[in-house]
Amino acid sequence: MTKTRHQSVGLTDDQVLEMYRYMLLARKVDERMWLLNRAGKIPFVISCQGQEAAQVGAALAFDKTKDYLCPYYRDFGAVMVFGQTAQDTLLSAFAKAEDPNSGGRQMPGHFGGKKYRIMSGSSPVTTQVPHAVGIALAGKMTGENQVVFTSFGEGSSNQGDFHEGANFAGVHKLPVIFFCENNKYAISVPLKKQLACKSVADRAIGYGFPGVSVDGNDPIEVYRVTKEAVDRARAGEGPTLIEAVTYRLVPHSSDDDDRVYRNRDEVDEAKKQDPLVIFATYLKEVGLLTDKAIDQLNREVQVIVDEATEYAEKAPYPAPESTMTHVYGS
């Protein structure tokens, strides 16, 4: 029997269906957050729409029981693979006390959680990269054989944190995967004004490790490339820089008007390559999904999002005195 494309890279039928479900859940939570923001119920949204395939395909290549995730602010899909739920995400959006990321003390997209093996992020872009390199060094020193996944946008690849982290990881052959989600815009700055080289992946050669550029709308190909990088890292062969070429389908954030820097024809054309639609088409072609099954899955995911929203909206806010927790020593 001829193998399907996903089977040829080591993914089972159940795994690609799980992949699609994670992508769909991330999209539905994201869409709900925009509605809540426009209704004045939550203050801010930073979106993953258009980047779900890259995030989920990459995250599924890691071992959630021993590897670490150092994500950037758009990575709803990746953190869900590592264990965060729709309810967790909505608790963060409403800034409630049960928010696992910060106890309601940070804006959405500042992921973190010891039980999820997700390092807490901060607002300055790219600071997660040297932190990831430090975790990788610690794992190498203790012999834990863990691999660290750190993600960032292509704009972040211009920051000193990226270059210092990549250089250190390359010199010491650390087990860290640098995962760039190239969505073509650093807020309003297009790629052509960010890079003089052909792609972000080209930068890896300067640090002595492989750089790979991959179609970020194809979760199977992203998984394949990332799994190879993870296997290399776990075998002691050092880091890899992966550039997942994708597109941000919505404004940079709920405070951004992207109409001032990109025309609607460009965005409409990109929507024709929506990874959710493309992947659903593939799953139908290989006989794993039908239109009826997709409708049913959409309903199931919508129920999860509705219940998560209701719970998070009713949950208590942090106690005022908790403002000083973890800030000042006694």
C-alpha atoms as a PDB file:
ATOM      1  CA  MET A   1       0.000   0.000   0.000  1.00  0.00           C
ATOM      2  CA  THR A   2       1.309   3.434  -0.945  1.00  0.00           C
ATOM      3  CA  LYS A   3       2.016   5.628   2.029  1.00  0.00           C
ATOM      4  CA  THR A   4       0.303   8.982   2.363  1.00  0.00           C
ATOM      5  CA  ARG A   5       2.462  12.071   2.716  1.00  0.00           C
ATOM      6  CA  HIS A   6       1.992  12.228   6.480  1.00  0.00           C
ATOM      7  CA  GLN A   7       2.760   8.537   6.911  1.00  0.00           C
ATOM      8  CA  SER A   8       5.991   8.984   4.953  1.00  0.00           C
ATOM      9  CA  VAL A   9       7.265  11.411   7.611  1.00  0.00           C
ATOM     10  CA  GLY A  10       6.245   9.167  10.517  1.00  0.00           C
ATOM     11  CA  LEU A  11       2.851  10.654  11.407  1.00  0.00           C
ATOM     12  CA  THR A  12      -0.128   8.382  12.003  1.00  0.00           C
ATOM     13  CA  ASP A  13      -3.678   9.106  10.893  1.00  0.00           C
ATOM     14  CA  ASP A  14      -4.623   9.928  14.489  1.00  0.00           C
ATOM     15  CA  GLN A  15      -1.698  12.326  14.815  1.00  0.00           C
ATOM     16  CA  VAL A  16      -2.633  14.409  11.766  1.00  0.00           C
ATOM     17  CA  LEU A  17      -6.235  14.570  12.937  1.00  0.00           C
ATOM     18  CA  GLU A  18      -4.923  15.784  16.300  1.00  0.00           C
ATOM     19  CA  MET A  19      -2.790  18.295  14.409  1.00  0.00           C
ATOM     20  CA  TYR A  20      -5.839  19.698  12.636  1.00  0.00           C
ATOM     21  CA  ARG A  21      -7.808  19.860  15.886  1.00  0.00           C
ATOM     22  CA  TYR A  22      -5.073  21.887  17.605  1.00  0.00           C
ATOM     23  CA  MET A  23      -4.967  24.259  14.642  1.00  0.00           C
ATOM     24  CA  LEU A  24      -8.737  24.665  14.683  1.00  0.00           C
ATOM     25  CA  LEU A  25      -8.846  25.220  18.451  1.00  0.00           C
ATOM     26  CA  ALA A  26      -6.142  27.893  18.268  1.00  0.00           C
ATOM     27  CA  ARG A  27      -8.043  29.662  15.487  1.00  0.00           C
ATOM     28  CA  LYS A  28     -11.388  29.542  17.282  1.00  0.00           C
ATOM     29  CA  VAL A  29      -9.921  30.844  20.549  1.00  0.00           C
ATOM     30  CA  ASP A  30      -8.189  33.617  18.616  1.00  0.00           C
ATOM     31  CA  GLU A  31     -11.399  34.604  16.829  1.00  0.00           C
ATOM     32  CA  ARG A  32     -13.281  34.644  20.133  1.00  0.00           C
ATOM     33  CA  MET A  33     -10.698  36.958  21.669  1.00  0.00           C
ATOM     34  CA  TRP A  34     -11.179  39.460  18.838  1.00  0.00           C
ATOM     35  CA  LEU A  35     -14.939  39.463  19.429  1.00  0.00           C
ATOM     36  CA  LEU A  36     -14.428  39.967  23.161  1.00  0.00           C
ATOM     37  CA  ASN A  37     -12.020  42.820  22.507  1.00  0.00           C
ATOM     38  CA  ARG A  38     -14.377  44.575  20.125  1.00  0.00           C
ATOM     39  CA  ALA A  39     -17.152  44.141  22.701  1.00  0.00           C
ATOM     40  CA  GLY A  40     -14.984  45.924  25.264  1.00  0.00           C
ATOM     41  CA  LYS A  41     -14.612  42.867  27.500  1.00  0.00           C
ATOM     42  CA  ILE A  42     -10.878  42.264  27.136  1.00  0.00           C
ATOM     43  CA  PRO A  43      -8.264  44.961  26.517  1.00  0.00           C
ATOM     44  CA  PHE A  44      -5.874  43.421  24.016  1.00  0.00           C
ATOM     45  CA  VAL A  45      -5.412  40.672  21.423  1.00  0.00           C
ATOM     46  CA  ILE A  46      -2.219  39.501  19.766  1.00  0.00           C
ATOM     47  CA  SER A  47      -3.153  37.009  17.083  1.00  0.00           C
ATOM     48  CA  CYS A  48      -1.962  33.672  15.701  1.00  0.00           C
ATOM     49  CA  GLN A  49      -4.271  33.575  12.674  1.00  0.00           C
ATOM     50  CA  GLY A  50      -2.417  32.263   9.640  1.00  0.00           C
ATOM     51  CA  GLN A  51       0.446  30.800  11.683  1.00  0.00           C
ATOM     52  CA  GLU A  52      -1.295  27.825  13.296  1.00  0.00           C
ATOM     53  CA  ALA A  53       0.178  25.223  10.945  1.00  0.00           C
ATOM     54  CA  ALA A  54       3.740  26.318  11.639  1.00  0.00           C
ATOM     55  CA  GLN A  55       3.197  26.386  15.395  1.00  0.00           C
ATOM     56  CA  VAL A  56       1.393  23.074  15.745  1.00  0.00           C
ATOM     57  CA  GLY A  57       3.508  21.200  13.210  1.00  0.00           C
ATOM     58  CA  ALA A  58       6.696  22.238  15.001  1.00  0.00           C
ATOM     59  CA  ALA A  59       5.490  21.708  18.583  1.00  0.00           C
ATOM     60  CA  LEU A  60       4.325  18.158  17.874  1.00  0.00           C
ATOM     61  CA  ALA A  61       7.909  17.186  17.018  1.00  0.00           C
ATOM     62  CA  PHE A  62       8.984  17.617  20.651  1.00  0.00           C
ATOM     63  CA  ASP A  63       8.690  15.386  23.723  1.00  0.00           C
ATOM     64  CA  LYS A  64       6.341  17.233  26.085  1.00  0.00           C
ATOM     65  CA  THR A  65       7.549  15.161  29.033  1.00  0.00           C
ATOM     66  CA  LYS A  66      11.135  16.433  28.920  1.00  0.00           C
ATOM     67  CA  ASP A  67      11.605  19.183  26.319  1.00  0.00           C
ATOM     68  CA  TYR A  68      11.028  22.895  26.951  1.00  0.00           C
ATOM     69  CA  LEU A  69       9.109  25.593  25.106  1.00  0.00           C
ATOM     70  CA  CYS A  70      10.235  29.231  25.055  1.00  0.00           C
ATOM     71  CA  PRO A  71       7.554  30.744  22.813  1.00  0.00           C
ATOM     72  CA  TYR A  72       6.840  34.185  21.479  1.00  0.00           C
ATOM     73  CA  TYR A  73       3.599  36.051  21.892  1.00  0.00           C
ATOM     74  CA  ARG A  74       1.633  34.588  18.954  1.00  0.00           C
ATOM     75  CA  ASP A  75       2.162  30.927  19.815  1.00  0.00           C
ATOM     76  CA  PHE A  76      -1.336  29.852  20.869  1.00  0.00           C
ATOM     77  CA  GLY A  77      -1.009  26.678  18.791  1.00  0.00           C
ATOM     78  CA  ALA A  78       2.362  25.703  20.254  1.00  0.00           C
ATOM     79  CA  VAL A  79       1.380  26.243  23.890  1.00  0.00           C
ATOM     80  CA  MET A  80      -1.807  24.244  23.382  1.00  0.00           C
ATOM     81  CA  VAL A  81       0.251  21.313  22.124  1.00  0.00           C
ATOM     82  CA  PHE A  82       2.351  21.601  25.298  1.00  0.00           C
ATOM     83  CA  GLY A  83      -0.779  21.438  27.446  1.00  0.00           C
ATOM     84  CA  GLN A  84      -2.400  24.839  27.874  1.00  0.00           C
ATOM     85  CA  THR A  85      -6.144  24.826  27.308  1.00  0.00           C
ATOM     86  CA  ALA A  86      -8.692  27.157  25.779  1.00  0.00           C
ATOM     87  CA  GLN A  87      -9.776  27.978  29.323  1.00  0.00           C
ATOM     88  CA  ASP A  88      -6.195  28.892  30.264  1.00  0.00           C
ATOM     89  CA  THR A  89      -5.993  31.230  27.278  1.00  0.00           C
ATOM     90  CA  LEU A  90      -9.290  32.939  28.056  1.00  0.00           C
ATOM     91  CA  LEU A  91      -8.376  33.325  31.738  1.00  0.00           C
ATOM     92  CA  SER A  92      -5.270  35.148  30.565  1.00  0.00           C
ATOM     93  CA  ALA A  93      -7.283  37.306  28.167  1.00  0.00           C
ATOM     94  CA  PHE A  94      -9.630  38.376  30.969  1.00  0.00           C
ATOM     95  CA  ALA A  95      -6.653  38.853  33.365  1.00  0.00           C
ATOM     96  CA  LYS A  96      -8.148  36.555  36.005  1.00  0.00           C
ATOM     97  CA  ALA A  97      -6.435  35.143  39.077  1.00  0.00           C
ATOM     98  CA  GLU A  98      -6.440  31.578  37.697  1.00  0.00           C
ATOM     99  CA  ASP A  99      -4.460  32.600  34.606  1.00  0.00           C
ATOM    100  CA  PRO A 100      -1.603  30.049  34.597  1.00  0.00           C
ATOM    101  CA  ASN A 101       0.777  32.411  32.832  1.00  0.00           C
ATOM    102  CA  SER A 102       0.925  35.278  35.298  1.00  0.00           C
ATOM    103  CA  GLY A 103      -2.054  35.129  37.644  1.00  0.00           C
ATOM    104  CA  GLY A 104      -3.748  37.885  35.675  1.00  0.00           C
ATOM    105  CA  ARG A 105      -0.753  40.231  35.846  1.00  0.00           C
ATOM    106  CA  GLN A 106       0.309  40.232  32.201  1.00  0.00           C
ATOM    107  CA  MET A 107      -1.326  40.931  28.863  1.00  0.00           C
ATOM    108  CA  PRO A 108      -2.262  37.977  26.600  1.00  0.00           C
ATOM    109  CA  GLY A 109       0.594  36.250  24.802  1.00  0.00           C
ATOM    110  CA  HIS A 110       2.962  36.246  27.777  1.00  0.00           C
ATOM    111  CA  PHE A 111       2.939  32.485  28.133  1.00  0.00           C
ATOM    112  CA  GLY A 112       4.464  30.521  30.975  1.00  0.00           C
ATOM    113  CA  GLY A 113       3.871  27.624  33.313  1.00  0.00           C
ATOM    114  CA  LYS A 114       6.187  25.217  35.089  1.00  0.00           C
ATOM    115  CA  LYS A 115       3.785  22.290  34.783  1.00  0.00           C
ATOM    116  CA  TYR A 116       3.667  22.818  31.017  1.00  0.00           C
ATOM    117  CA  ARG A 117       7.463  23.170  30.685  1.00  0.00           C
ATOM    118  CA  ILE A 118       6.848  26.619  29.190  1.00  0.00           C
ATOM    119  CA  MET A 119       9.264  29.339  30.229  1.00  0.00           C
ATOM    120  CA  SER A 120       7.642  32.632  31.232  1.00  0.00           C
ATOM    121  CA  GLY A 121       7.985  35.267  28.535  1.00  0.00           C
ATOM    122  CA  SER A 122       8.428  39.011  28.798  1.00  0.00           C
ATOM    123  CA  SER A 123       7.380  41.966  26.668  1.00  0.00           C
ATOM    124  CA  PRO A 124      10.686  42.922  24.984  1.00  0.00           C
ATOM    125  CA  VAL A 125      10.887  40.835  21.824  1.00  0.00           C
ATOM    126  CA  THR A 126      13.512  38.076  21.500  1.00  0.00           C
ATOM    127  CA  THR A 127      14.474  37.874  25.181  1.00  0.00           C
ATOM    128  CA  GLN A 128      13.211  34.280  25.135  1.00  0.00           C
ATOM    129  CA  VAL A 129      16.019  33.266  22.754  1.00  0.00           C
ATOM    130  CA  PRO A 130      19.020  33.631  25.130  1.00  0.00           C
ATOM    131  CA  HIS A 131      16.880  32.145  27.890  1.00  0.00           C
ATOM    132  CA  ALA A 132      16.224  29.093  25.711  1.00  0.00           C
ATOM    133  CA  VAL A 133      19.933  28.768  25.041  1.00  0.00           C
ATOM    134  CA  GLY A 134      20.552  28.861  28.797  1.00  0.00           C
ATOM    135  CA  ILE A 135      18.041  26.069  29.385  1.00  0.00           C
ATOM    136  CA  ALA A 136      19.708  24.034  26.643  1.00  0.00           C
ATOM    137  CA  LEU A 137      23.113  24.575  28.257  1.00  0.00           C
ATOM    138  CA  ALA A 138      21.746  23.510  31.649  1.00  0.00           C
ATOM    139  CA  GLY A 139      20.289  20.354  30.134  1.00  0.00           C
ATOM    140  CA  LYS A 140      23.572  19.510  28.467  1.00  0.00           C
ATOM    141  CA  MET A 141      25.484  20.046  31.719  1.00  0.00           C
ATOM    142  CA  THR A 142      23.122  17.820  33.718  1.00  0.00           C
ATOM    143  CA  GLY A 143      22.844  15.158  31.014  1.00  0.00           C
ATOM    144  CA  GLU A 144      19.046  15.391  30.822  1.00  0.00           C
ATOM    145  CA  ASN A 145      19.056  15.108  27.021  1.00  0.00           C
ATOM    146  CA  GLN A 146      16.314  17.691  26.626  1.00  0.00           C
ATOM    147  CA  VAL A 147      15.748  19.833  23.548  1.00  0.00           C
ATOM    148  CA  VAL A 148      14.525  23.427  23.757  1.00  0.00           C
ATOM    149  CA  PHE A 149      12.148  25.014  21.253  1.00  0.00           C
ATOM    150  CA  THR A 150      12.242  28.793  20.982  1.00  0.00           C
ATOM    151  CA  SER A 151      10.155  30.727  18.479  1.00  0.00           C
ATOM    152  CA  PHE A 152      10.179  34.321  17.281  1.00  0.00           C
ATOM    153  CA  GLY A 153       9.164  36.513  14.373  1.00  0.00           C
ATOM    154  CA  GLU A 154      11.470  37.464  11.522  1.00  0.00           C
ATOM    155  CA  GLY A 155      11.788  40.966  12.962  1.00  0.00           C
ATOM    156  CA  SER A 156      13.301  39.403  16.068  1.00  0.00           C
ATOM    157  CA  SER A 157      16.031  37.806  13.976  1.00  0.00           C
ATOM    158  CA  ASN A 158      17.466  41.319  13.650  1.00  0.00           C
ATOM    159  CA  GLN A 159      17.814  41.739  17.410  1.00  0.00           C
ATOM    160  CA  GLY A 160      21.047  41.249  19.313  1.00  0.00           C
ATOM    161  CA  ASP A 161      19.404  38.632  21.540  1.00  0.00           C
ATOM    162  CA  PHE A 162      18.960  36.338  18.536  1.00  0.00           C
ATOM    163  CA  HIS A 163      22.519  36.727  17.289  1.00  0.00           C
ATOM    164  CA  GLU A 164      24.116  36.294  20.703  1.00  0.00           C
ATOM    165  CA  GLY A 165      21.951  33.282  21.461  1.00  0.00           C
ATOM    166  CA  ALA A 166      22.632  31.669  18.091  1.00  0.00           C
ATOM    167  CA  ASN A 167      26.366  32.274  18.351  1.00  0.00           C
ATOM    168  CA  PHE A 168      26.588  30.775  21.847  1.00  0.00           C
ATOM    169  CA  ALA A 169      24.446  27.773  20.875  1.00  0.00           C
ATOM    170  CA  GLY A 170      26.540  27.158  17.771  1.00  0.00           C
ATOM    171  CA  VAL A 171      29.866  27.341  19.612  1.00  0.00           C
ATOM    172  CA  HIS A 172      28.721  24.937  22.321  1.00  0.00           C
ATOM    173  CA  LYS A 173      26.563  22.692  20.087  1.00  0.00           C
ATOM    174  CA  LEU A 174      23.530  23.127  22.302  1.00  0.00           C
ATOM    175  CA  PRO A 175      20.247  21.240  21.792  1.00  0.00           C
ATOM    176  CA  VAL A 176      18.063  24.204  20.882  1.00  0.00           C
ATOM    177  CA  ILE A 177      15.792  24.739  17.887  1.00  0.00           C
ATOM    178  CA  PHE A 178      15.510  28.357  16.716  1.00  0.00           C
ATOM    179  CA  PHE A 179      12.099  28.579  15.064  1.00  0.00           C
ATOM    180  CA  CYS A 180      11.394  31.753  13.101  1.00  0.00           C
ATOM    181  CA  GLU A 181       7.773  32.341  12.100  1.00  0.00           C
ATOM    182  CA  ASN A 182       8.340  34.652   9.159  1.00  0.00           C
ATOM    183  CA  ASN A 183       4.955  36.322   8.685  1.00  0.00           C
ATOM    184  CA  LYS A 184       6.396  39.006   6.375  1.00  0.00           C
ATOM    185  CA  TYR A 185       5.838  41.993   8.688  1.00  0.00           C
ATOM    186  CA  ALA A 186       7.564  43.278  11.823  1.00  0.00           C
ATOM    187  CA  ILE A 187       4.453  45.169  12.879  1.00  0.00           C
ATOM    188  CA  SER A 188       4.319  47.524   9.857  1.00  0.00           C
ATOM    189  CA  VAL A 189       7.804  46.944   8.414  1.00  0.00           C
ATOM    190  CA  PRO A 190       7.760  44.586   5.393  1.00  0.00           C
ATOM    191  CA  LEU A 191      10.349  41.863   4.957  1.00  0.00           C
ATOM    192  CA  LYS A 192      12.161  43.675   2.138  1.00  0.00           C
ATOM    193  CA  LYS A 193      13.047  46.459   4.590  1.00  0.00           C
ATOM    194  CA  GLN A 194      14.191  44.035   7.275  1.00  0.00           C
ATOM    195  CA  LEU A 195      16.605  41.647   5.560  1.00  0.00           C
ATOM    196  CA  ALA A 196      19.265  42.036   2.904  1.00  0.00           C
ATOM    197  CA  CYS A 197      19.820  38.273   2.697  1.00  0.00           C
ATOM    198  CA  LYS A 198      17.492  35.937   0.840  1.00  0.00           C
ATOM    199  CA  SER A 199      15.907  34.425   3.955  1.00  0.00           C
ATOM    200  CA  VAL A 200      16.228  34.234   7.722  1.00  0.00           C
ATOM    201  CA  ALA A 201      17.496  30.659   7.353  1.00  0.00           C
ATOM    202  CA  ASP A 202      20.604  31.971   5.574  1.00  0.00           C
ATOM    203  CA  ARG A 203      21.786  33.480   8.842  1.00  0.00           C
ATOM    204  CA  ALA A 204      22.508  30.075  10.385  1.00  0.00           C
ATOM    205  CA  ILE A 205      25.692  29.526   8.381  1.00  0.00           C
ATOM    206  CA  GLY A 206      27.380  32.333  10.285  1.00  0.00           C
ATOM    207  CA  TYR A 207      26.932  30.403  13.502  1.00  0.00           C
ATOM    208  CA  GLY A 208      27.996  26.997  12.252  1.00  0.00           C
ATOM    209  CA  PHE A 209      24.735  25.088  12.148  1.00  0.00           C
ATOM    210  CA  PRO A 210      22.048  24.248   9.559  1.00  0.00           C
ATOM    211  CA  GLY A 211      19.388  26.703   8.445  1.00  0.00           C
ATOM    212  CA  VAL A 212      16.231  25.424   6.753  1.00  0.00           C
ATOM    213  CA  SER A 213      13.387  27.369   5.157  1.00  0.00           C
ATOM    214  CA  VAL A 214      10.020  25.606   5.020  1.00  0.00           C
ATOM    215  CA  ASP A 215       6.457  26.337   3.912  1.00  0.00           C
ATOM    216  CA  GLY A 216       4.830  27.419   7.160  1.00  0.00           C
ATOM    217  CA  ASN A 217       1.354  26.722   5.786  1.00  0.00           C
ATOM    218  CA  ASP A 218       2.146  22.992   5.587  1.00  0.00           C
ATOM    219  CA  PRO A 219       2.109  21.407   9.059  1.00  0.00           C
ATOM    220  CA  ILE A 220       3.355  18.043   7.781  1.00  0.00           C
ATOM    221  CA  GLU A 221       6.454  19.557   6.189  1.00  0.00           C
ATOM    222  CA  VAL A 222       7.046  21.743   9.241  1.00  0.00           C
ATOM    223  CA  TYR A 223       6.827  18.628  11.423  1.00  0.00           C
ATOM    224  CA  ARG A 224       9.271  16.736   9.199  1.00  0.00           C
ATOM    225  CA  VAL A 225      11.890  19.469   9.246  1.00  0.00           C
ATOM    226  CA  THR A 226      11.500  20.102  12.962  1.00  0.00           C
ATOM    227  CA  LYS A 227      11.602  16.405  13.872  1.00  0.00           C
ATOM    228  CA  GLU A 228      14.873  16.021  11.977  1.00  0.00           C
ATOM    229  CA  ALA A 229      16.256  19.027  13.865  1.00  0.00           C
ATOM    230  CA  VAL A 230      15.092  17.646  17.219  1.00  0.00           C
ATOM    231  CA  ASP A 231      16.694  14.274  16.484  1.00  0.00           C
ATOM    232  CA  ARG A 232      19.956  16.009  15.535  1.00  0.00           C
ATOM    233  CA  ALA A 233      19.913  18.056  18.722  1.00  0.00           C
ATOM    234  CA  ARG A 234      19.178  15.061  20.942  1.00  0.00           C
ATOM    235  CA  ALA A 235      22.035  13.177  19.312  1.00  0.00           C
ATOM    236  CA  GLY A 236      24.442  15.936  20.335  1.00  0.00           C
ATOM    237  CA  GLU A 237      24.791  17.495  16.873  1.00  0.00           C
ATOM    238  CA  GLY A 238      23.766  20.985  17.959  1.00  0.00           C
ATOM    239  CA  PRO A 239      21.135  23.555  17.015  1.00  0.00           C
ATOM    240  CA  THR A 240      19.121  24.251  13.872  1.00  0.00           C
ATOM    241  CA  LEU A 241      17.517  27.448  12.615  1.00  0.00           C
ATOM    242  CA  ILE A 242      14.145  26.812  10.962  1.00  0.00           C
ATOM    243  CA  GLU A 243      12.346  29.538   9.048  1.00  0.00           C
ATOM    244  CA  ALA A 244       8.637  28.804   8.610  1.00  0.00           C
ATOM    245  CA  VAL A 245       7.410  31.147   5.869  1.00  0.00           C
ATOM    246  CA  THR A 246       3.852  32.135   6.681  1.00  0.00           C
ATOM    247  CA  TYR A 247       1.588  35.183   6.751  1.00  0.00           C
ATOM    248  CA  ARG A 248      -0.262  37.124   9.435  1.00  0.00           C
ATOM    249  CA  LEU A 249      -3.881  37.242   8.266  1.00  0.00           C
ATOM    250  CA  VAL A 250      -4.980  39.940  10.712  1.00  0.00           C
ATOM    251  CA  PRO A 251      -3.493  43.165  12.101  1.00  0.00           C
ATOM    252  CA  HIS A 252      -0.414  42.979  14.309  1.00  0.00           C
ATOM    253  CA  SER A 253      -2.644  43.379  17.356  1.00  0.00           C
ATOM    254  CA  SER A 254      -6.008  44.787  18.341  1.00  0.00           C
ATOM    255  CA  ASP A 255      -4.332  48.206  18.580  1.00  0.00           C
ATOM    256  CA  ASP A 256      -3.026  48.105  15.003  1.00  0.00           C
ATOM    257  CA  ASP A 257      -4.608  49.252  11.730  1.00  0.00           C
ATOM    258  CA  ASP A 258      -2.839  47.226   9.061  1.00  0.00           C
ATOM    259  CA  ARG A 259      -4.676  49.037   6.261  1.00  0.00           C
ATOM    260  CA  VAL A 260      -2.115  51.825   6.468  1.00  0.00           C
ATOM    261  CA  TYR A 261       0.796  49.582   5.432  1.00  0.00           C
ATOM    262  CA  ARG A 262      -0.561  46.675   3.379  1.00  0.00           C
ATOM    263  CA  ASN A 263      -3.258  46.657   0.725  1.00  0.00           C
ATOM    264  CA  ARG A 264      -6.350  44.479   0.861  1.00  0.00           C
ATOM    265  CA  ASP A 265      -5.480  42.609  -2.340  1.00  0.00           C
ATOM    266  CA  GLU A 266      -2.345  41.269  -0.683  1.00  0.00           C
ATOM    267  CA  VAL A 267      -4.236  40.121   2.397  1.00  0.00           C
ATOM    268  CA  ASP A 268      -7.057  38.600   0.339  1.00  0.00           C
ATOM    269  CA  GLU A 269      -4.543  36.674  -1.749  1.00  0.00           C
ATOM    270  CA  ALA A 270      -2.870  35.365   1.411  1.00  0.00           C
ATOM    271  CA  LYS A 271      -6.228  34.181   2.760  1.00  0.00           C
ATOM    272  CA  LYS A 272      -6.458  31.825  -0.214  1.00  0.00           C
ATOM    273  CA  GLN A 273      -3.524  29.999   1.386  1.00  0.00           C
ATOM    274  CA  ASP A 274      -5.157  29.780   4.816  1.00  0.00           C
ATOM    275  CA  PRO A 275      -3.426  26.764   6.413  1.00  0.00           C
ATOM    276  CA  LEU A 276      -6.639  25.533   8.019  1.00  0.00           C
ATOM    277  CA  VAL A 277      -8.374  25.323   4.663  1.00  0.00           C
ATOM    278  CA  ILE A 278      -5.380  23.768   2.911  1.00  0.00           C
ATOM    279  CA  PHE A 279      -4.863  21.137   5.591  1.00  0.00           C
ATOM    280  CA  ALA A 280      -8.557  20.260   5.757  1.00  0.00           C
ATOM    281  CA  THR A 281      -8.471  19.721   1.993  1.00  0.00           C
ATOM    282  CA  TYR A 282      -5.503  17.368   2.358  1.00  0.00           C
ATOM    283  CA  LEU A 283      -7.232  15.370   5.107  1.00  0.00           C
ATOM    284  CA  LYS A 284     -10.306  14.993   2.913  1.00  0.00           C
ATOM    285  CA  GLU A 285      -8.182  13.892  -0.038  1.00  0.00           C
ATOM    286  CA  VAL A 286      -6.597  11.075   1.997  1.00  0.00           C
ATOM    287  CA  GLY A 287      -9.961   9.984   3.375  1.00  0.00           C
ATOM    288  CA  LEU A 288      -9.518  11.065   7.003  1.00  0.00           C
ATOM    289  CA  LEU A 289     -12.133  13.808   7.048  1.00  0.00           C
ATOM    290  CA  THR A 290     -15.418  14.573   5.343  1.00  0.00           C
ATOM    291  CA  ASP A 291     -17.310  17.844   5.200  1.00  0.00           C
ATOM    292  CA  LYS A 292     -19.734  16.384   7.737  1.00  0.00           C
ATOM    293  CA  ALA A 293     -16.889  15.432  10.085  1.00  0.00           C
ATOM    294  CA  ILE A 294     -15.373  18.913   9.767  1.00  0.00           C
ATOM    295  CA  ASP A 295     -18.730  20.491  10.650  1.00  0.00           C
ATOM    296  CA  GLN A 296     -19.000  18.215  13.673  1.00  0.00           C
ATOM    297  CA  LEU A 297     -15.469  19.044  14.801  1.00  0.00           C
ATOM    298  CA  ASN A 298     -16.195  22.753  14.412  1.00  0.00           C
ATOM    299  CA  ARG A 299     -19.236  22.387  16.658  1.00  0.00           C
ATOM    300  CA  GLU A 300     -17.253  20.456  19.278  1.00  0.00           C
ATOM    301  CA  VAL A 301     -14.474  23.025  19.335  1.00  0.00           C
ATOM    302  CA  GLN A 302     -16.993  25.865  19.482  1.00  0.00           C
ATOM    303  CA  VAL A 303     -18.531  24.326  22.598  1.00  0.00           C
ATOM    304  CA  ILE A 304     -15.077  24.179  24.216  1.00  0.00           C
ATOM    305  CA  VAL A 305     -14.477  27.835  23.399  1.00  0.00           C
ATOM    306  CA  ASP A 306     -17.936  28.886  24.604  1.00  0.00           C
ATOM    307  CA  GLU A 307     -17.518  27.061  27.909  1.00  0.00           C
ATOM    308  CA  ALA A 308     -14.001  28.445  28.372  1.00  0.00           C
ATOM    309  CA  THR A 309     -15.262  31.972  27.722  1.00  0.00           C
ATOM    310  CA  GLU A 310     -18.125  31.640  30.192  1.00  0.00           C
ATOM    311  CA  TYR A 311     -15.843  30.222  32.886  1.00  0.00           C
ATOM    312  CA  ALA A 312     -13.137  32.839  32.393  1.00  0.00           C
ATOM    313  CA  GLU A 313     -15.556  35.754  32.342  1.00  0.00           C
ATOM    314  CA  LYS A 314     -17.085  34.666  35.675  1.00  0.00           C
ATOM    315  CA  ALA A 315     -13.773  33.781  37.354  1.00  0.00           C
ATOM    316  CA  PRO A 316     -12.456  36.128  40.078  1.00  0.00           C
ATOM    317  CA  TYR A 317      -9.846  38.790  39.459  1.00  0.00           C
ATOM    318  CA  PRO A 318      -6.576  38.731  41.422  1.00  0.00           C
ATOM    319  CA  ALA A 319      -6.699  40.160  44.944  1.00  0.00           C
ATOM    320  CA  PRO A 320      -5.273  43.707  44.954  1.00  0.00           C
ATOM    321  CA  GLU A 321      -2.614  42.784  47.505  1.00  0.00           C
ATOM    322  CA  SER A 322      -1.223  40.163  45.124  1.00  0.00           C
ATOM    323  CA  THR A 323       0.191  43.025  43.029  1.00  0.00           C
ATOM    324  CA  MET A 324       3.391  42.895  45.082  1.00  0.00           C
ATOM    325  CA  THR A 325       3.803  39.113  44.906  1.00  0.00           C
ATOM    326  CA  HIS A 326       7.114  38.125  43.273  1.00  0.00           C
ATOM    327  CA  VAL A 327       8.050  41.802  42.969  1.00  0.00           C
ATOM    328  CA  TYR A 328       9.590  42.796  46.290  1.00  0.00           C
ATOM    329  CA  GLY A 329      11.417  40.639  48.804  1.00  0.00           C
ATOM    330  CA  SER A 330      10.484  40.807  52.464  1.00  0.00           C
END
